[in-house]
């Protein structure tokens, strides 16, 4: 059974930093890609960043480029999202997702991902 478990969310002041983790288990992930999405109240789930497990391919939504960094630790089956210079617009529930059909590019649409974690809340106070 595939499981994705996020951690690291919390309350932080604007300008601060958080590091999210996503621990994956249940099947070999070496040929998958992983994505981070977020959902603010009343809004659709939005792609934030993605990476393939080899780490050779990453992608970010424009609003987080230069502030967020996605990385992976293959030995630990864990994906990280380092978030710096946080603003109130970054507030939301952050979800980790697994794409089991890597096609050579990071996917941006939520319905292209096969497994999801339960989410972790990130709240940035202004």
PDB file of N, CA and C in Angstrom:
ATOM      1  N   UNK A   1       0.846  -1.185   0.000  1.00  0.00           N
ATOM      2  CA  UNK A   1       0.000   0.000   0.000  1.00  0.00           C
ATOM      3  C   UNK A   1       0.881   1.233   0.000  1.00  0.00           C
ATOM      4  N   UNK A   2       0.663   2.086  -0.978  1.00  0.00           N
ATOM      5  CA  UNK A   2       1.453   3.305  -1.082  1.00  0.00           C
ATOM      6  C   UNK A   2       1.006   4.308  -0.030  1.00  0.00           C
ATOM      7  N   UNK A   3       1.977   4.882   0.647  1.00  0.00           N
ATOM      8  CA  UNK A   3       1.680   5.924   1.632  1.00  0.00           C
ATOM      9  C   UNK A   3       2.612   7.105   1.441  1.00  0.00           C
ATOM     10  N   UNK A   4       2.047   8.285   1.510  1.00  0.00           N
ATOM     11  CA  UNK A   4       2.803   9.524   1.488  1.00  0.00           C
ATOM     12  C   UNK A   4       2.440  10.295   2.739  1.00  0.00           C
ATOM     13  N   UNK A   5       3.433  10.636   3.530  1.00  0.00           N
ATOM     14  CA  UNK A   5       3.177  11.308   4.793  1.00  0.00           C
ATOM     15  C   UNK A   5       3.964  12.614   4.834  1.00  0.00           C
ATOM     16  N   UNK A   6       3.236  13.726   4.864  1.00  0.00           N
ATOM     17  CA  UNK A   6       3.872  15.038   4.930  1.00  0.00           C
ATOM     18  C   UNK A   6       4.087  15.458   6.383  1.00  0.00           C
ATOM     19  N   UNK A   7       5.077  16.292   6.579  1.00  0.00           N
ATOM     20  CA  UNK A   7       5.335  16.878   7.887  1.00  0.00           C
ATOM     21  C   UNK A   7       6.087  18.190   7.678  1.00  0.00           C
ATOM     22  N   UNK A   8       6.152  18.976   8.747  1.00  0.00           N
ATOM     23  CA  UNK A   8       6.940  20.199   8.701  1.00  0.00           C
ATOM     24  C   UNK A   8       6.148  21.479   8.579  1.00  0.00           C
ATOM     25  N   UNK A   9       4.850  21.384   8.420  1.00  0.00           N
ATOM     26  CA  UNK A   9       4.053  22.598   8.339  1.00  0.00           C
ATOM     27  C   UNK A   9       3.963  23.295   9.679  1.00  0.00           C
ATOM     28  N   UNK A  10       3.397  24.488   9.672  1.00  0.00           N
ATOM     29  CA  UNK A  10       3.234  25.236  10.910  1.00  0.00           C
ATOM     30  C   UNK A  10       2.922  26.680  10.654  1.00  0.00           C
ATOM     31  N   UNK A  11       3.023  27.464  11.709  1.00  0.00           N
ATOM     32  CA  UNK A  11       2.765  28.900  11.657  1.00  0.00           C
ATOM     33  C   UNK A  11       4.098  29.632  11.647  1.00  0.00           C
ATOM     34  N   UNK A  12       4.248  30.549  10.695  1.00  0.00           N
ATOM     35  CA  UNK A  12       5.497  31.287  10.580  1.00  0.00           C
ATOM     36  C   UNK A  12       5.176  32.724  10.196  1.00  0.00           C
ATOM     37  N   UNK A  13       6.031  33.637  10.596  1.00  0.00           N
ATOM     38  CA  UNK A  13       5.831  35.030  10.220  1.00  0.00           C
ATOM     39  C   UNK A  13       6.300  35.267   8.794  1.00  0.00           C
ATOM     40  N   UNK A  14       5.727  36.283   8.178  1.00  0.00           N
ATOM     41  CA  UNK A  14       6.150  36.654   6.836  1.00  0.00           C
ATOM     42  C   UNK A  14       7.657  36.900   6.803  1.00  0.00           C
ATOM     43  N   UNK A  15       8.296  36.378   5.766  1.00  0.00           N
ATOM     44  CA  UNK A  15       9.737  36.480   5.649  1.00  0.00           C
ATOM     45  C   UNK A  15      10.467  35.277   6.211  1.00  0.00           C
ATOM     46  N   UNK A  16       9.753  34.443   6.922  1.00  0.00           N
ATOM     47  CA  UNK A  16      10.358  33.278   7.543  1.00  0.00           C
ATOM     48  C   UNK A  16      10.481  32.097   6.595  1.00  0.00           C
ATOM     49  N   UNK A  17      10.889  30.965   7.160  1.00  0.00           N
ATOM     50  CA  UNK A  17      11.162  29.759   6.373  1.00  0.00           C
ATOM     51  C   UNK A  17      10.547  28.533   7.027  1.00  0.00           C
ATOM     52  N   UNK A  18      10.240  27.565   6.204  1.00  0.00           N
ATOM     53  CA  UNK A  18       9.799  26.250   6.659  1.00  0.00           C
ATOM     54  C   UNK A  18      10.370  25.204   5.719  1.00  0.00           C
ATOM     55  N   UNK A  19      10.539  23.995   6.247  1.00  0.00           N
ATOM     56  CA  UNK A  19      10.973  22.883   5.413  1.00  0.00           C
ATOM     57  C   UNK A  19       9.965  21.754   5.545  1.00  0.00           C
ATOM     58  N   UNK A  20       9.307  21.435   4.456  1.00  0.00           N
ATOM     59  CA  UNK A  20       8.349  20.341   4.444  1.00  0.00           C
ATOM     60  C   UNK A  20       9.033  19.054   4.007  1.00  0.00           C
ATOM     61  N   UNK A  21       8.561  17.945   4.566  1.00  0.00           N
ATOM     62  CA  UNK A  21       9.066  16.633   4.187  1.00  0.00           C
ATOM     63  C   UNK A  21       7.903  15.748   3.756  1.00  0.00           C
ATOM     64  N   UNK A  22       8.186  14.839   2.844  1.00  0.00           N
ATOM     65  CA  UNK A  22       7.201  13.862   2.404  1.00  0.00           C
ATOM     66  C   UNK A  22       7.886  12.507   2.381  1.00  0.00           C
ATOM     67  N   UNK A  23       7.483  11.639   3.287  1.00  0.00           N
ATOM     68  CA  UNK A  23       8.048  10.298   3.360  1.00  0.00           C
ATOM     69  C   UNK A  23       7.158   9.345   2.578  1.00  0.00           C
ATOM     70  N   UNK A  24       7.763   8.663   1.621  1.00  0.00           N
ATOM     71  CA  UNK A  24       7.018   7.764   0.746  1.00  0.00           C
ATOM     72  C   UNK A  24       7.340   6.317   1.071  1.00  0.00           C
ATOM     73  N   UNK A  25       6.332   5.466   1.037  1.00  0.00           N
ATOM     74  CA  UNK A  25       6.544   4.044   1.278  1.00  0.00           C
ATOM     75  C   UNK A  25       5.512   3.237   0.505  1.00  0.00           C
ATOM     76  N   UNK A  26       5.787   1.969   0.361  1.00  0.00           N
ATOM     77  CA  UNK A  26       4.802   1.084  -0.229  1.00  0.00           C
ATOM     78  C   UNK A  26       5.152   0.508  -1.575  1.00  0.00           C
ATOM     79  N   UNK A  27       6.056   1.140  -2.292  1.00  0.00           N
ATOM     80  CA  UNK A  27       6.510   0.562  -3.554  1.00  0.00           C
ATOM     81  C   UNK A  27       7.758   1.299  -4.000  1.00  0.00           C
ATOM     82  N   UNK A  28       8.530   0.751  -4.914  1.00  0.00           N
ATOM     83  CA  UNK A  28       9.739   1.448  -5.374  1.00  0.00           C
ATOM     84  C   UNK A  28       9.391   2.726  -6.103  1.00  0.00           C
ATOM     85  N   UNK A  29       9.999   3.821  -5.680  1.00  0.00           N
ATOM     86  CA  UNK A  29       9.679   5.115  -6.263  1.00  0.00           C
ATOM     87  C   UNK A  29      10.728   5.602  -7.252  1.00  0.00           C
ATOM     88  N   UNK A  30      11.696   4.780  -7.552  1.00  0.00           N
ATOM     89  CA  UNK A  30      12.833   5.278  -8.314  1.00  0.00           C
ATOM     90  C   UNK A  30      12.474   5.704  -9.726  1.00  0.00           C
ATOM     91  N   UNK A  31      11.316   5.244 -10.236  1.00  0.00           N
ATOM     92  CA  UNK A  31      10.929   5.663 -11.587  1.00  0.00           C
ATOM     93  C   UNK A  31       9.752   6.631 -11.556  1.00  0.00           C
ATOM     94  N   UNK A  32       9.427   7.137 -10.396  1.00  0.00           N
ATOM     95  CA  UNK A  32       8.305   8.070 -10.278  1.00  0.00           C
ATOM     96  C   UNK A  32       8.802   9.511 -10.276  1.00  0.00           C
ATOM     97  N   UNK A  33       7.844  10.402 -10.279  1.00  0.00           N
ATOM     98  CA  UNK A  33       8.111  11.805 -10.013  1.00  0.00           C
ATOM     99  C   UNK A  33       7.232  12.216  -8.843  1.00  0.00           C
ATOM    100  N   UNK A  34       7.669  13.227  -8.136  1.00  0.00           N
ATOM    101  CA  UNK A  34       6.936  13.693  -6.976  1.00  0.00           C
ATOM    102  C   UNK A  34       6.605  15.163  -7.136  1.00  0.00           C
ATOM    103  N   UNK A  35       5.471  15.540  -6.609  1.00  0.00           N
ATOM    104  CA  UNK A  35       5.075  16.934  -6.702  1.00  0.00           C
ATOM    105  C   UNK A  35       4.574  17.460  -5.374  1.00  0.00           C
ATOM    106  N   UNK A  36       4.703  18.746  -5.189  1.00  0.00           N
ATOM    107  CA  UNK A  36       4.091  19.456  -4.067  1.00  0.00           C
ATOM    108  C   UNK A  36       3.001  20.369  -4.640  1.00  0.00           C
ATOM    109  N   UNK A  37       1.842  20.293  -4.033  1.00  0.00           N
ATOM    110  CA  UNK A  37       0.728  21.152  -4.387  1.00  0.00           C
ATOM    111  C   UNK A  37       0.281  21.885  -3.127  1.00  0.00           C
ATOM    112  N   UNK A  38      -0.443  22.962  -3.313  1.00  0.00           N
ATOM    113  CA  UNK A  38      -1.026  23.647  -2.158  1.00  0.00           C
ATOM    114  C   UNK A  38      -2.435  24.076  -2.504  1.00  0.00           C
ATOM    115  N   UNK A  39      -3.232  24.194  -1.446  1.00  0.00           N
ATOM    116  CA  UNK A  39      -4.621  24.616  -1.615  1.00  0.00           C
ATOM    117  C   UNK A  39      -4.964  25.631  -0.544  1.00  0.00           C
ATOM    118  N   UNK A  40      -5.269  26.831  -0.992  1.00  0.00           N
ATOM    119  CA  UNK A  40      -5.703  27.884  -0.084  1.00  0.00           C
ATOM    120  C   UNK A  40      -7.220  27.799   0.067  1.00  0.00           C
ATOM    121  N   UNK A  41      -7.760  28.327   1.154  1.00  0.00           N
ATOM    122  CA  UNK A  41      -9.216  28.272   1.366  1.00  0.00           C
ATOM    123  C   UNK A  41      -9.971  28.894   0.198  1.00  0.00           C
ATOM    124  N   UNK A  42     -10.934  28.152  -0.322  1.00  0.00           N
ATOM    125  CA  UNK A  42     -11.757  28.654  -1.405  1.00  0.00           C
ATOM    126  C   UNK A  42     -11.109  28.618  -2.772  1.00  0.00           C
ATOM    127  N   UNK A  43      -9.911  28.026  -2.854  1.00  0.00           N
ATOM    128  CA  UNK A  43      -9.207  28.002  -4.138  1.00  0.00           C
ATOM    129  C   UNK A  43      -8.913  26.568  -4.556  1.00  0.00           C
ATOM    130  N   UNK A  44      -8.599  26.398  -5.833  1.00  0.00           N
ATOM    131  CA  UNK A  44      -8.249  25.078  -6.330  1.00  0.00           C
ATOM    132  C   UNK A  44      -6.838  24.693  -5.909  1.00  0.00           C
ATOM    133  N   UNK A  45      -6.605  23.393  -5.919  1.00  0.00           N
ATOM    134  CA  UNK A  45      -5.271  22.903  -5.620  1.00  0.00           C
ATOM    135  C   UNK A  45      -4.312  23.339  -6.730  1.00  0.00           C
ATOM    136  N   UNK A  46      -3.174  23.866  -6.307  1.00  0.00           N
ATOM    137  CA  UNK A  46      -2.235  24.477  -7.243  1.00  0.00           C
ATOM    138  C   UNK A  46      -0.886  23.775  -7.194  1.00  0.00           C
ATOM    139  N   UNK A  47      -0.321  23.511  -8.363  1.00  0.00           N
ATOM    140  CA  UNK A  47       1.026  22.953  -8.422  1.00  0.00           C
ATOM    141  C   UNK A  47       2.020  23.958  -7.862  1.00  0.00           C
ATOM    142  N   UNK A  48       2.962  23.477  -7.067  1.00  0.00           N
ATOM    143  CA  UNK A  48       3.998  24.333  -6.503  1.00  0.00           C
ATOM    144  C   UNK A  48       5.373  23.963  -7.049  1.00  0.00           C
ATOM    145  N   UNK A  49       5.721  22.675  -6.954  1.00  0.00           N
ATOM    146  CA  UNK A  49       7.037  22.230  -7.407  1.00  0.00           C
ATOM    147  C   UNK A  49       6.991  20.736  -7.662  1.00  0.00           C
ATOM    148  N   UNK A  50       7.899  20.269  -8.519  1.00  0.00           N
ATOM    149  CA  UNK A  50       7.958  18.848  -8.801  1.00  0.00           C
ATOM    150  C   UNK A  50       9.378  18.412  -9.096  1.00  0.00           C
ATOM    151  N   UNK A  51       9.631  17.124  -8.923  1.00  0.00           N
ATOM    152  CA  UNK A  51      10.962  16.580  -9.134  1.00  0.00           C
ATOM    153  C   UNK A  51      10.849  15.116  -9.526  1.00  0.00           C
ATOM    154  N   UNK A  52      11.765  14.649 -10.375  1.00  0.00           N
ATOM    155  CA  UNK A  52      11.839  13.208 -10.570  1.00  0.00           C
ATOM    156  C   UNK A  52      12.845  12.646  -9.571  1.00  0.00           C
ATOM    157  N   UNK A  53      12.755  11.352  -9.260  1.00  0.00           N
ATOM    158  CA  UNK A  53      13.523  10.801  -8.164  1.00  0.00           C
ATOM    159  C   UNK A  53      15.023  10.867  -8.384  1.00  0.00           C
ATOM    160  N   UNK A  54      15.448  10.911  -9.635  1.00  0.00           N
ATOM    161  CA  UNK A  54      16.885  11.043  -9.865  1.00  0.00           C
ATOM    162  C   UNK A  54      17.356  12.460  -9.541  1.00  0.00           C
ATOM    163  N   UNK A  55      16.419  13.374  -9.407  1.00  0.00           N
ATOM    164  CA  UNK A  55      16.761  14.757  -9.080  1.00  0.00           C
ATOM    165  C   UNK A  55      17.241  15.567 -10.254  1.00  0.00           C
ATOM    166  N   UNK A  56      17.245  14.986 -11.422  1.00  0.00           N
ATOM    167  CA  UNK A  56      17.760  15.692 -12.574  1.00  0.00           C
ATOM    168  C   UNK A  56      16.783  16.650 -13.208  1.00  0.00           C
ATOM    169  N   UNK A  57      15.532  16.564 -12.815  1.00  0.00           N
ATOM    170  CA  UNK A  57      14.517  17.416 -13.418  1.00  0.00           C
ATOM    171  C   UNK A  57      13.642  18.005 -12.327  1.00  0.00           C
ATOM    172  N   UNK A  58      13.575  19.324 -12.277  1.00  0.00           N
ATOM    173  CA  UNK A  58      12.710  20.008 -11.322  1.00  0.00           C
ATOM    174  C   UNK A  58      11.912  21.078 -12.052  1.00  0.00           C
ATOM    175  N   UNK A  59      10.806  21.451 -11.439  1.00  0.00           N
ATOM    176  CA  UNK A  59       9.984  22.500 -12.007  1.00  0.00           C
ATOM    177  C   UNK A  59       9.253  23.227 -10.884  1.00  0.00           C
ATOM    178  N   UNK A  60       9.017  24.528 -11.083  1.00  0.00           N
ATOM    179  CA  UNK A  60       8.375  25.342 -10.060  1.00  0.00           C
ATOM    180  C   UNK A  60       7.322  26.252 -10.705  1.00  0.00           C
ATOM    181  N   UNK A  61       6.299  26.555  -9.935  1.00  0.00           N
ATOM    182  CA  UNK A  61       5.371  27.596 -10.368  1.00  0.00           C
ATOM    183  C   UNK A  61       6.102  28.928 -10.244  1.00  0.00           C
ATOM    184  N   UNK A  62       5.793  29.851 -11.122  1.00  0.00           N
ATOM    185  CA  UNK A  62       6.543  31.109 -11.173  1.00  0.00           C
ATOM    186  C   UNK A  62       6.579  31.842  -9.833  1.00  0.00           C
ATOM    187  N   UNK A  63       5.498  31.787  -9.085  1.00  0.00           N
ATOM    188  CA  UNK A  63       5.404  32.567  -7.850  1.00  0.00           C
ATOM    189  C   UNK A  63       6.362  32.107  -6.762  1.00  0.00           C
ATOM    190  N   UNK A  64       6.940  30.913  -6.890  1.00  0.00           N
ATOM    191  CA  UNK A  64       7.848  30.433  -5.850  1.00  0.00           C
ATOM    192  C   UNK A  64       9.291  30.314  -6.328  1.00  0.00           C
ATOM    193  N   UNK A  65       9.529  30.574  -7.600  1.00  0.00           N
ATOM    194  CA  UNK A  65      10.891  30.462  -8.128  1.00  0.00           C
ATOM    195  C   UNK A  65      11.822  31.408  -7.386  1.00  0.00           C
ATOM    196  N   UNK A  66      12.973  30.885  -6.996  1.00  0.00           N
ATOM    197  CA  UNK A  66      13.941  31.673  -6.255  1.00  0.00           C
ATOM    198  C   UNK A  66      13.715  31.668  -4.756  1.00  0.00           C
ATOM    199  N   UNK A  67      12.551  31.176  -4.322  1.00  0.00           N
ATOM    200  CA  UNK A  67      12.249  31.128  -2.883  1.00  0.00           C
ATOM    201  C   UNK A  67      12.128  29.703  -2.369  1.00  0.00           C
ATOM    202  N   UNK A  68      11.577  28.811  -3.193  1.00  0.00           N
ATOM    203  CA  UNK A  68      11.364  27.418  -2.794  1.00  0.00           C
ATOM    204  C   UNK A  68      12.351  26.524  -3.527  1.00  0.00           C
ATOM    205  N   UNK A  69      12.747  25.451  -2.846  1.00  0.00           N
ATOM    206  CA  UNK A  69      13.624  24.459  -3.466  1.00  0.00           C
ATOM    207  C   UNK A  69      13.101  23.068  -3.151  1.00  0.00           C
ATOM    208  N   UNK A  70      12.902  22.271  -4.181  1.00  0.00           N
ATOM    209  CA  UNK A  70      12.478  20.883  -3.999  1.00  0.00           C
ATOM    210  C   UNK A  70      13.695  19.990  -4.162  1.00  0.00           C
ATOM    211  N   UNK A  71      13.779  18.969  -3.317  1.00  0.00           N
ATOM    212  CA  UNK A  71      14.899  18.042  -3.400  1.00  0.00           C
ATOM    213  C   UNK A  71      14.422  16.672  -2.938  1.00  0.00           C
ATOM    214  N   UNK A  72      15.256  15.674  -3.177  1.00  0.00           N
ATOM    215  CA  UNK A  72      14.881  14.321  -2.794  1.00  0.00           C
ATOM    216  C   UNK A  72      16.058  13.597  -2.179  1.00  0.00           C
ATOM    217  N   UNK A  73      15.752  12.696  -1.279  1.00  0.00           N
ATOM    218  CA  UNK A  73      16.740  11.791  -0.698  1.00  0.00           C
ATOM    219  C   UNK A  73      16.283  10.392  -1.061  1.00  0.00           C
ATOM    220  N   UNK A  74      16.880   9.849  -2.092  1.00  0.00           N
ATOM    221  CA  UNK A  74      16.406   8.570  -2.616  1.00  0.00           C
ATOM    222  C   UNK A  74      16.568   7.441  -1.604  1.00  0.00           C
ATOM    223  N   UNK A  75      17.639   7.481  -0.851  1.00  0.00           N
ATOM    224  CA  UNK A  75      17.895   6.411   0.118  1.00  0.00           C
ATOM    225  C   UNK A  75      16.813   6.369   1.185  1.00  0.00           C
ATOM    226  N   UNK A  76      16.218   7.523   1.470  1.00  0.00           N
ATOM    227  CA  UNK A  76      15.195   7.594   2.506  1.00  0.00           C
ATOM    228  C   UNK A  76      13.790   7.702   1.912  1.00  0.00           C
ATOM    229  N   UNK A  77      13.693   7.641   0.583  1.00  0.00           N
ATOM    230  CA  UNK A  77      12.379   7.788  -0.066  1.00  0.00           C
ATOM    231  C   UNK A  77      11.644   9.024   0.454  1.00  0.00           C
ATOM    232  N   UNK A  78      12.368  10.121   0.548  1.00  0.00           N
ATOM    233  CA  UNK A  78      11.796  11.347   1.102  1.00  0.00           C
ATOM    234  C   UNK A  78      12.034  12.510   0.147  1.00  0.00           C
ATOM    235  N   UNK A  79      11.008  13.325   0.008  1.00  0.00           N
ATOM    236  CA  UNK A  79      11.093  14.539  -0.795  1.00  0.00           C
ATOM    237  C   UNK A  79      10.906  15.735   0.126  1.00  0.00           C
ATOM    238  N   UNK A  80      11.664  16.777  -0.139  1.00  0.00           N
ATOM    239  CA  UNK A  80      11.628  17.964   0.711  1.00  0.00           C
ATOM    240  C   UNK A  80      11.192  19.182  -0.094  1.00  0.00           C
ATOM    241  N   UNK A  81      10.617  20.137   0.601  1.00  0.00           N
ATOM    242  CA  UNK A  81      10.323  21.439   0.007  1.00  0.00           C
ATOM    243  C   UNK A  81      10.816  22.496   0.986  1.00  0.00           C
ATOM    244  N   UNK A  82      11.923  23.114   0.628  1.00  0.00           N
ATOM    245  CA  UNK A  82      12.482  24.198   1.424  1.00  0.00           C
ATOM    246  C   UNK A  82      11.826  25.491   0.972  1.00  0.00           C
ATOM    247  N   UNK A  83      11.184  26.186   1.917  1.00  0.00           N
ATOM    248  CA  UNK A  83      10.432  27.397   1.588  1.00  0.00           C
ATOM    249  C   UNK A  83      11.021  28.580   2.339  1.00  0.00           C
ATOM    250  N   UNK A  84      11.479  29.567   1.610  1.00  0.00           N
ATOM    251  CA  UNK A  84      12.069  30.767   2.196  1.00  0.00           C
ATOM    252  C   UNK A  84      11.291  32.011   1.777  1.00  0.00           C
ATOM    253  N   UNK A  85      11.522  33.089   2.486  1.00  0.00           N
ATOM    254  CA  UNK A  85      10.860  34.366   2.191  1.00  0.00           C
ATOM    255  C   UNK A  85       9.357  34.195   2.047  1.00  0.00           C
ATOM    256  N   UNK A  86       8.784  33.511   3.001  1.00  0.00           N
ATOM    257  CA  UNK A  86       7.351  33.201   2.927  1.00  0.00           C
ATOM    258  C   UNK A  86       6.510  34.455   3.085  1.00  0.00           C
ATOM    259  N   UNK A  87       5.385  34.455   2.370  1.00  0.00           N
ATOM    260  CA  UNK A  87       4.421  35.543   2.474  1.00  0.00           C
ATOM    261  C   UNK A  87       3.041  34.963   2.741  1.00  0.00           C
ATOM    262  N   UNK A  88       2.106  35.840   3.062  1.00  0.00           N
ATOM    263  CA  UNK A  88       0.746  35.390   3.374  1.00  0.00           C
ATOM    264  C   UNK A  88       0.141  34.620   2.188  1.00  0.00           C
ATOM    265  N   UNK A  89       0.562  34.953   0.977  1.00  0.00           N
ATOM    266  CA  UNK A  89       0.035  34.267  -0.211  1.00  0.00           C
ATOM    267  C   UNK A  89       0.467  32.808  -0.293  1.00  0.00           C
ATOM    268  N   UNK A  90       1.429  32.424   0.524  1.00  0.00           N
ATOM    269  CA  UNK A  90       1.880  31.023   0.543  1.00  0.00           C
ATOM    270  C   UNK A  90       1.064  30.173   1.507  1.00  0.00           C
ATOM    271  N   UNK A  91       0.155  30.775   2.229  1.00  0.00           N
ATOM    272  CA  UNK A  91      -0.680  30.052   3.181  1.00  0.00           C
ATOM    273  C   UNK A  91      -1.566  29.041   2.481  1.00  0.00           C
ATOM    274  N   UNK A  92      -1.667  27.856   3.069  1.00  0.00           N
ATOM    275  CA  UNK A  92      -2.533  26.826   2.526  1.00  0.00           C
ATOM    276  C   UNK A  92      -2.157  25.466   3.059  1.00  0.00           C
ATOM    277  N   UNK A  93      -2.901  24.474   2.618  1.00  0.00           N
ATOM    278  CA  UNK A  93      -2.549  23.093   2.936  1.00  0.00           C
ATOM    279  C   UNK A  93      -1.640  22.590   1.817  1.00  0.00           C
ATOM    280  N   UNK A  94      -0.491  22.073   2.211  1.00  0.00           N
ATOM    281  CA  UNK A  94       0.480  21.583   1.241  1.00  0.00           C
ATOM    282  C   UNK A  94       0.395  20.058   1.161  1.00  0.00           C
ATOM    283  N   UNK A  95       0.269  19.570  -0.064  1.00  0.00           N
ATOM    284  CA  UNK A  95       0.130  18.143  -0.314  1.00  0.00           C
ATOM    285  C   UNK A  95       1.309  17.626  -1.122  1.00  0.00           C
ATOM    286  N   UNK A  96       1.727  16.439  -0.783  1.00  0.00           N
ATOM    287  CA  UNK A  96       2.725  15.706  -1.547  1.00  0.00           C
ATOM    288  C   UNK A  96       1.975  14.713  -2.440  1.00  0.00           C
ATOM    289  N   UNK A  97       2.478  14.519  -3.663  1.00  0.00           N
ATOM    290  CA  UNK A  97       1.816  13.609  -4.590  1.00  0.00           C
ATOM    291  C   UNK A  97       2.848  12.843  -5.402  1.00  0.00           C
ATOM    292  N   UNK A  98       2.482  11.627  -5.799  1.00  0.00           N
ATOM    293  CA  UNK A  98       3.372  10.775  -6.580  1.00  0.00           C
ATOM    294  C   UNK A  98       2.790  10.523  -7.973  1.00  0.00           C
ATOM    295  N   UNK A  99       3.625  10.694  -8.960  1.00  0.00           N
ATOM    296  CA  UNK A  99       3.275  10.424 -10.351  1.00  0.00           C
ATOM    297  C   UNK A  99       4.011   9.156 -10.761  1.00  0.00           C
ATOM    298  N   UNK A 100       3.283   8.087 -10.979  1.00  0.00           N
ATOM    299  CA  UNK A 100       3.906   6.807 -11.276  1.00  0.00           C
ATOM    300  C   UNK A 100       4.177   6.605 -12.755  1.00  0.00           C
ATOM    301  N   UNK A 101       3.892   7.602 -13.558  1.00  0.00           N
ATOM    302  CA  UNK A 101       4.086   7.451 -15.006  1.00  0.00           C
ATOM    303  C   UNK A 101       4.992   8.554 -15.521  1.00  0.00           C
ATOM    304  N   UNK A 102       6.222   8.543 -15.038  1.00  0.00           N
ATOM    305  CA  UNK A 102       7.188   9.558 -15.465  1.00  0.00           C
ATOM    306  C   UNK A 102       7.367   9.484 -16.978  1.00  0.00           C
ATOM    307  N   UNK A 103       7.175  10.621 -17.631  1.00  0.00           N
ATOM    308  CA  UNK A 103       7.267  10.662 -19.093  1.00  0.00           C
ATOM    309  C   UNK A 103       8.363  11.609 -19.555  1.00  0.00           C
ATOM    310  N   UNK A 104       9.222  12.000 -18.636  1.00  0.00           N
ATOM    311  CA  UNK A 104      10.317  12.876 -18.994  1.00  0.00           C
ATOM    312  C   UNK A 104      10.084  14.335 -18.645  1.00  0.00           C
ATOM    313  N   UNK A 105       8.937  14.627 -18.081  1.00  0.00           N
ATOM    314  CA  UNK A 105       8.683  15.999 -17.661  1.00  0.00           C
ATOM    315  C   UNK A 105       7.874  15.994 -16.376  1.00  0.00           C
ATOM    316  N   UNK A 106       8.078  17.009 -15.572  1.00  0.00           N
ATOM    317  CA  UNK A 106       7.270  17.178 -14.370  1.00  0.00           C
ATOM    318  C   UNK A 106       5.868  17.627 -14.786  1.00  0.00           C
ATOM    319  N   UNK A 107       4.865  16.999 -14.207  1.00  0.00           N
ATOM    320  CA  UNK A 107       3.484  17.323 -14.558  1.00  0.00           C
ATOM    321  C   UNK A 107       2.918  18.365 -13.616  1.00  0.00           C
ATOM    322  N   UNK A 108       2.047  19.227 -14.137  1.00  0.00           N
ATOM    323  CA  UNK A 108       1.527  20.352 -13.372  1.00  0.00           C
ATOM    324  C   UNK A 108       0.082  20.189 -12.922  1.00  0.00           C
ATOM    325  N   UNK A 109      -0.616  19.206 -13.476  1.00  0.00           N
ATOM    326  CA  UNK A 109      -2.032  19.045 -13.172  1.00  0.00           C
ATOM    327  C   UNK A 109      -2.226  18.004 -12.077  1.00  0.00           C
ATOM    328  N   UNK A 110      -3.073  18.317 -11.104  1.00  0.00           N
ATOM    329  CA  UNK A 110      -3.293  17.421  -9.978  1.00  0.00           C
ATOM    330  C   UNK A 110      -3.825  16.065 -10.422  1.00  0.00           C
ATOM    331  N   UNK A 111      -4.663  16.043 -11.456  1.00  0.00           N
ATOM    332  CA  UNK A 111      -5.253  14.761 -11.859  1.00  0.00           C
ATOM    333  C   UNK A 111      -4.271  13.860 -12.589  1.00  0.00           C
ATOM    334  N   UNK A 112      -3.049  14.330 -12.795  1.00  0.00           N
ATOM    335  CA  UNK A 112      -2.019  13.489 -13.402  1.00  0.00           C
ATOM    336  C   UNK A 112      -1.204  12.737 -12.353  1.00  0.00           C
ATOM    337  N   UNK A 113      -1.490  12.980 -11.098  1.00  0.00           N
ATOM    338  CA  UNK A 113      -0.786  12.304 -10.007  1.00  0.00           C
ATOM    339  C   UNK A 113      -1.642  11.188  -9.440  1.00  0.00           C
ATOM    340  N   UNK A 114      -0.961  10.115  -9.008  1.00  0.00           N
ATOM    341  CA  UNK A 114      -1.675   8.899  -8.646  1.00  0.00           C
ATOM    342  C   UNK A 114      -1.920   8.728  -7.157  1.00  0.00           C
ATOM    343  N   UNK A 115      -1.012   9.239  -6.333  1.00  0.00           N
ATOM    344  CA  UNK A 115      -1.137   9.064  -4.891  1.00  0.00           C
ATOM    345  C   UNK A 115      -0.930  10.408  -4.207  1.00  0.00           C
ATOM    346  N   UNK A 116      -1.626  10.567  -3.081  1.00  0.00           N
ATOM    347  CA  UNK A 116      -1.588  11.828  -2.343  1.00  0.00           C
ATOM    348  C   UNK A 116      -1.405  11.591  -0.867  1.00  0.00           C
ATOM    349  N   UNK A 117      -0.719  12.522  -0.230  1.00  0.00           N
ATOM    350  CA  UNK A 117      -0.652  12.515   1.216  1.00  0.00           C
ATOM    351  C   UNK A 117      -1.850  13.233   1.801  1.00  0.00           C
ATOM    352  N   UNK A 118      -1.866  13.311   3.122  1.00  0.00           N
ATOM    353  CA  UNK A 118      -3.012  13.903   3.821  1.00  0.00           C
ATOM    354  C   UNK A 118      -2.909  15.420   3.922  1.00  0.00           C
ATOM    355  N   UNK A 119      -1.745  15.953   3.641  1.00  0.00           N
ATOM    356  CA  UNK A 119      -1.549  17.397   3.669  1.00  0.00           C
ATOM    357  C   UNK A 119      -1.011  17.899   4.995  1.00  0.00           C
ATOM    358  N   UNK A 120      -0.321  19.015   4.929  1.00  0.00           N
ATOM    359  CA  UNK A 120       0.185  19.686   6.119  1.00  0.00           C
ATOM    360  C   UNK A 120      -0.086  21.181   5.980  1.00  0.00           C
ATOM    361  N   UNK A 121      -0.577  21.781   7.050  1.00  0.00           N
ATOM    362  CA  UNK A 121      -0.994  23.182   7.005  1.00  0.00           C
ATOM    363  C   UNK A 121       0.211  24.110   7.143  1.00  0.00           C
ATOM    364  N   UNK A 122       0.271  25.087   6.260  1.00  0.00           N
ATOM    365  CA  UNK A 122       1.261  26.151   6.358  1.00  0.00           C
ATOM    366  C   UNK A 122       0.504  27.464   6.485  1.00  0.00           C
ATOM    367  N   UNK A 123       0.768  28.189   7.540  1.00  0.00           N
ATOM    368  CA  UNK A 123       0.120  29.480   7.765  1.00  0.00           C
ATOM    369  C   UNK A 123       1.193  30.544   7.938  1.00  0.00           C
ATOM    370  N   UNK A 124       1.138  31.558   7.099  1.00  0.00           N
ATOM    371  CA  UNK A 124       2.103  32.647   7.161  1.00  0.00           C
ATOM    372  C   UNK A 124       1.370  33.891   7.626  1.00  0.00           C
ATOM    373  N   UNK A 125       1.799  34.411   8.752  1.00  0.00           N
ATOM    374  CA  UNK A 125       1.157  35.611   9.289  1.00  0.00           C
ATOM    375  C   UNK A 125       1.873  36.853   8.780  1.00  0.00           C
ATOM    376  N   UNK A 126       1.077  37.848   8.416  1.00  0.00           N
ATOM    377  CA  UNK A 126       1.676  39.079   7.865  1.00  0.00           C
ATOM    378  C   UNK A 126       1.865  40.129   8.941  1.00  0.00           C
TER     379      UNK A 126
END
